[in-house]
Structure formats: C-alpha cells, structure tokens
Protein backbone atom coordinates (compact mmCIF):
# COMPACT_ATOMS: atom_id res chain seq x y z
CA MET A 1 73.40 138.10 120.41
CA ALA A 2 73.10 141.74 121.46
CA GLY A 3 71.19 142.82 118.38
CA SER A 4 69.09 139.72 117.86
CA SER A 5 68.19 139.37 121.53
CA GLN A 6 65.66 142.16 121.14
CA LEU A 7 63.57 139.85 118.99
CA ILE A 8 63.72 136.85 121.31
CA GLN A 9 60.93 135.98 123.72
CA PRO A 10 61.34 133.36 126.48
CA LEU A 11 59.16 130.29 126.95
CA VAL A 12 59.25 128.62 130.36
CA SER A 13 59.13 124.85 130.51
CA THR A 14 58.72 122.81 133.69
CA ASP A 15 57.46 119.32 134.39
CA ALA A 16 54.30 120.85 135.87
CA ILE A 17 53.43 122.80 132.70
CA SER A 18 51.92 120.76 129.89
CA SER A 19 51.42 123.57 127.39
CA LEU A 20 53.43 126.46 126.02
CA THR A 21 53.38 129.61 128.15
CA MET A 22 54.55 132.85 126.61
CA ILE A 23 56.39 135.03 129.12
CA VAL A 24 55.26 138.62 128.73
CA PRO A 25 58.16 141.09 128.68
CA GLY A 26 58.46 142.84 132.03
CA VAL A 27 56.70 140.10 134.01
CA SER A 28 58.78 137.97 136.35
CA PHE A 29 58.20 134.25 136.86
CA SER A 30 59.61 131.71 139.25
CA GLU A 31 58.07 128.32 138.42
CA GLY A 32 61.01 125.96 138.09
CA ILE A 33 63.52 128.81 137.67
CA GLU A 34 64.57 131.20 140.41
CA ASN A 35 64.89 134.95 140.07
CA VAL A 36 64.15 135.13 136.35
CA GLU A 37 62.72 138.37 135.05
CA THR A 38 62.51 140.02 131.65
CA LEU A 39 63.22 143.74 131.56
CA PRO A 40 62.45 145.13 128.11
CA SER A 41 63.93 148.37 126.89
CA ARG A 42 62.16 150.74 124.51
CA ALA A 43 64.07 149.12 121.63
CA ASP A 44 62.83 145.71 122.80
CA SER A 45 59.23 146.93 122.74
CA VAL A 46 59.56 148.40 119.25
CA SER A 47 61.27 145.27 117.92
CA ARG A 48 58.61 143.09 119.49
CA TYR A 49 55.89 145.24 117.91
CA VAL A 50 57.53 145.03 114.47
CA GLN A 51 57.91 141.28 114.81
CA VAL A 52 54.24 140.84 115.68
CA VAL A 53 53.17 143.08 112.78
CA LEU A 54 55.30 141.19 110.24
CA THR A 55 53.88 137.89 111.46
CA SER A 56 50.30 139.21 111.48
CA VAL A 57 50.15 140.92 108.07
CA PRO A 58 50.07 137.75 105.90
CA LEU A 59 47.37 136.25 108.14
CA ILE A 60 45.32 139.43 108.00
CA VAL A 61 45.59 139.56 104.19
CA ALA A 62 44.56 135.91 103.87
CA ASP A 63 41.58 136.32 106.20
CA LEU A 64 40.33 139.50 104.53
CA LEU A 65 40.74 138.07 101.03
CA ALA A 66 38.73 135.01 102.05
CA ILE A 67 36.00 137.21 103.54
CA ALA A 68 35.90 139.57 100.54
CA ALA A 69 35.91 136.80 97.94
CA SER A 70 33.18 134.87 99.75
CA TYR A 71 31.00 137.94 100.22
CA LEU A 72 31.31 138.99 96.57
CA LEU A 73 30.64 135.45 95.40
CA ALA A 74 27.57 135.30 97.62
CA THR A 75 26.42 138.56 96.08
CA LEU A 76 26.75 137.11 92.58
CA VAL A 77 24.82 134.02 93.65
CA THR A 78 22.10 136.19 95.15
CA PHE A 79 21.72 138.25 92.00
CA GLY A 80 22.26 135.45 89.49
CA PHE A 81 20.21 132.61 90.95
CA PHE A 82 17.62 134.41 93.06
CA GLY A 83 17.03 137.38 90.81
CA ALA A 84 17.76 139.86 93.60
CA ARG A 85 18.50 143.42 92.64
CA TYR A 86 21.83 145.11 93.29
CA TYR A 87 21.84 147.06 96.56
CA SER A 88 23.88 150.22 96.98
CA GLY A 89 25.27 149.20 100.38
CA LEU A 90 27.29 146.25 99.06
CA TRP A 91 30.73 147.84 99.41
CA ASN A 92 29.86 149.50 102.70
CA ASN A 93 28.75 146.14 104.09
CA LEU A 94 31.90 144.45 102.84
CA LEU A 95 34.09 147.13 104.39
CA ALA A 96 32.14 146.98 107.64
CA VAL A 97 32.39 143.21 108.03
CA CYS A 98 36.15 143.32 107.31
CA VAL A 99 36.73 146.08 109.88
CA CYS A 100 34.60 144.28 112.45
CA TYR A 101 36.56 141.08 111.86
CA LEU A 102 39.87 142.89 112.35
CA ILE A 103 38.70 144.42 115.62
CA VAL A 104 37.11 141.26 117.01
CA GLY A 105 39.99 139.08 115.78
CA THR A 106 42.52 141.34 117.46
CA PHE A 107 40.72 141.04 120.79
CA ARG A 108 40.53 137.27 120.31
CA GLY A 109 44.29 137.09 119.71
CA LEU A 110 44.12 135.97 116.07
CA PHE A 111 46.91 138.29 115.02
CA PRO A 112 49.37 136.68 115.04
CA ALA A 113 48.10 133.81 117.25
CA SER A 114 51.64 132.49 117.61
CA GLY A 115 51.74 129.24 119.53
CA PHE A 116 47.97 128.82 119.43
CA ASN A 117 46.65 125.29 119.41
CA PRO A 118 45.04 124.81 115.94
CA VAL A 119 41.70 123.92 117.53
CA ARG A 120 41.76 127.09 119.64
CA GLU A 121 42.74 129.17 116.62
CA LEU A 122 39.89 127.69 114.58
CA ARG A 123 37.42 128.34 117.39
CA CYS A 124 38.57 131.95 117.73
CA GLN A 125 38.41 132.49 113.98
CA LEU A 126 34.90 131.10 113.62
CA SER A 127 33.64 133.07 116.60
CA SER A 128 35.20 136.24 115.21
CA ILE A 129 33.47 135.70 111.87
CA SER A 130 30.14 135.07 113.59
CA VAL A 131 30.40 138.16 115.79
CA SER A 132 31.42 140.26 112.78
CA PHE A 133 28.28 139.32 110.87
CA MET A 134 26.10 139.95 113.89
CA LEU A 135 27.68 143.38 114.26
CA LEU A 136 27.09 144.02 110.55
CA ILE A 137 23.39 143.27 110.90
CA ALA A 138 23.16 145.36 114.06
CA LEU A 139 24.90 148.34 112.42
CA ASN A 140 22.62 148.14 109.40
CA GLY A 141 19.61 148.09 111.67
CA LEU A 142 20.83 151.10 113.66
CA ILE A 143 22.07 153.24 110.79
CA GLY A 144 19.60 152.34 108.07
CA GLN A 145 17.60 149.24 107.35
CA VAL A 146 18.32 145.59 106.68
CA THR A 147 16.99 144.72 103.23
CA LYS A 148 16.02 141.28 102.00
CA ASN A 149 18.91 141.33 99.54
CA GLU A 150 21.37 142.00 102.34
CA VAL A 151 19.94 139.24 104.50
CA LEU A 152 20.05 136.76 101.63
CA THR A 153 23.63 137.71 100.77
CA ILE A 154 24.73 137.34 104.40
CA LEU A 155 23.04 133.96 104.73
CA ILE A 156 24.90 132.71 101.67
CA ALA A 157 28.22 134.41 102.48
CA PHE A 158 28.51 133.18 106.06
CA PRO A 159 28.86 129.43 105.34
CA MET A 160 31.19 130.26 102.44
CA ILE A 161 33.52 132.26 104.67
CA VAL A 162 33.42 129.62 107.40
CA SER A 163 34.46 127.04 104.79
CA ILE A 164 37.15 129.12 103.07
CA ALA A 165 38.78 131.30 105.75
CA PRO A 166 40.27 128.55 108.01
CA PRO A 167 41.96 126.65 105.13
CA ALA A 168 43.22 129.96 103.72
CA ARG A 169 44.83 130.81 107.07
CA PHE A 170 46.31 127.32 107.39
CA CYS A 171 47.84 127.51 103.89
CA THR A 172 49.21 130.98 104.61
CA ARG A 173 50.98 129.67 107.71
CA LYS A 174 52.51 126.82 105.71
CA ILE A 175 53.67 129.21 102.97
CA MET A 176 55.11 131.78 105.38
CA ALA A 177 56.82 129.32 107.75
CA PRO A 178 60.08 128.94 105.74
CA PHE A 179 60.71 132.69 105.64
CA GLY A 180 63.13 133.90 108.30
CA TRP A 181 61.35 137.22 108.84
CA TRP A 182 58.04 135.50 109.63
CA GLY A 183 57.29 134.14 113.09
CA GLU A 184 58.47 134.99 116.58
CA GLN A 185 61.85 133.84 117.88
CA VAL A 186 61.80 132.20 121.31
CA ILE A 187 64.20 130.71 123.81
CA ILE A 188 62.91 127.76 125.82
CA VAL A 189 63.76 128.09 129.50
CA GLY A 190 64.09 124.73 131.22
CA ASN A 191 66.35 121.98 129.92
CA CYS A 192 64.11 119.14 131.11
CA LEU A 193 62.59 116.43 128.94
CA GLN A 194 59.57 118.60 128.31
CA GLY A 195 61.68 121.58 127.31
CA ARG A 196 63.58 119.54 124.74
CA SER A 197 60.32 118.04 123.50
CA ILE A 198 58.86 121.51 123.01
CA TYR A 199 61.99 122.57 121.13
CA GLN A 200 61.76 119.60 118.75
CA PHE A 201 58.02 120.11 118.29
CA LEU A 202 58.37 123.77 117.35
CA LYS A 203 61.21 122.92 114.97
CA ARG A 204 58.91 120.46 113.21
CA MET A 205 55.96 122.87 113.21
CA PRO A 206 57.28 126.34 112.26
CA GLN A 207 53.82 127.25 110.96
CA ARG A 208 52.76 127.67 114.59
CA GLY A 209 54.62 130.98 114.48
CA LEU A 210 57.14 130.23 117.25
CA LYS A 211 60.71 129.64 116.09
CA PRO A 212 62.99 128.34 118.86
CA ILE A 213 66.67 129.24 118.73
CA GLY A 214 67.75 127.27 121.79
CA VAL A 215 67.14 125.85 125.25
CA VAL A 216 68.64 127.28 128.43
CA ASP A 217 68.51 126.35 132.09
CA ASP A 218 69.35 127.85 135.47
CA THR A 219 72.17 125.29 135.75
CA PRO A 220 75.24 126.46 133.76
CA SER A 221 76.16 122.91 132.80
CA ASP A 222 72.76 122.50 131.12
CA TYR A 223 72.94 125.58 128.89
C-alpha cells in the first residue's frame, strides 16, 4: 500500500451528506470522523497531478476533436451551400476557440470532472462552449474585424458542437473506464449504509472517473 497510497484520495461519507465530497489533500475534516487529516508529501502532489493529467487527456482530445470537426464541417457548409468565400482567419479562429475552451473548461472543472453529476458536467460543458464562442467573437472584434463569413460559420458551428461534444465526451468516458490507468482511485471513509452504497455505485459507474478500492471507518472492527 505504500506505493499505491500516493494515488489514493479519500471520500468522506456520513448520513448527513447526500452527495460525494472530494477531500482535498492537506485539508482536515471532522464530519462523522474525528481527527482525520490528509498530509500530502511532494511525491503525493506529483502523483496526484499525473493521475489528473492521465484522466483529463482523453477527455480533452475528445472535446477538441468534436469542436474542430464541427467547425470545419460548418465551414464547408458555409462555402458549399451559401456560396461564401474562404476567409484567411479560419485556422486562427479554430485555434482560438479551442484554446478558449481549454481555459474556460479548466476553470469550470471539466478536466477531469471526476465524480461530477452528468447533468452538472453537461451544463459546464455547454457553458464553456458558449463562453468560448463569445470570446472568439470578442477577440476578432478587438484584433481585427468580424466578417459575415465568420459570423455565418460560427452560427452553423455552434449548434453542431453542442450536439456532438457531449456525446463524444460520454463515449470517451465509457471507452476509457475499463483501463486501470484512467480515473482517480479513492477510499470511502465511513462504513455506514451510505458509504457502502457509494462504493457499489462507483463500482457500477467507473465512467464517472472515481474508482473505489475500499471502505474504511474510524472503528477498527468496521475496516
């Protein structure tokens, strides 16, 4: 357990808590359990960072591929069906919207969004996409000008991305879930009915990104 413990994060479970609560390394908590505190070493922090990165990368790739494919398809539709002319800022716009999405999505907790309720994850993803396109338009207006072709492409691309990106992320989670290196290992603290229920739920839903390895309690007989 000495080596693997660096990759394990605790979840606290009490009868008063109805949802999962990630315990941040270095922060003590006392609800239902006395004198419990996590004290991460530098190795713990590095391992935690690596674990988050490995879990995030497939989701980032899926999101960016969905955005890029939708934007390029919208460009083809704009040129093919509306007779719009090619505009030189296509690749700059595509790069900008992807970078904006990464920044906004990171602040919204989308990477890796482990343990997120699917509805919350969907809401954060859609809001991140919306803000990214608004930032794209704002940047174009500040740096240069917003052309009709760009506006038409954005209007077509936005509903495409909103329709494609969430299913792409969902499928990526399902595909990645069986791999041992993907997801974040957790120990559930609190051997009550709720704690055992959370354990069984996470075992059934590994795509949530939290992989429980056990349940412990402050009573030795309940370990």
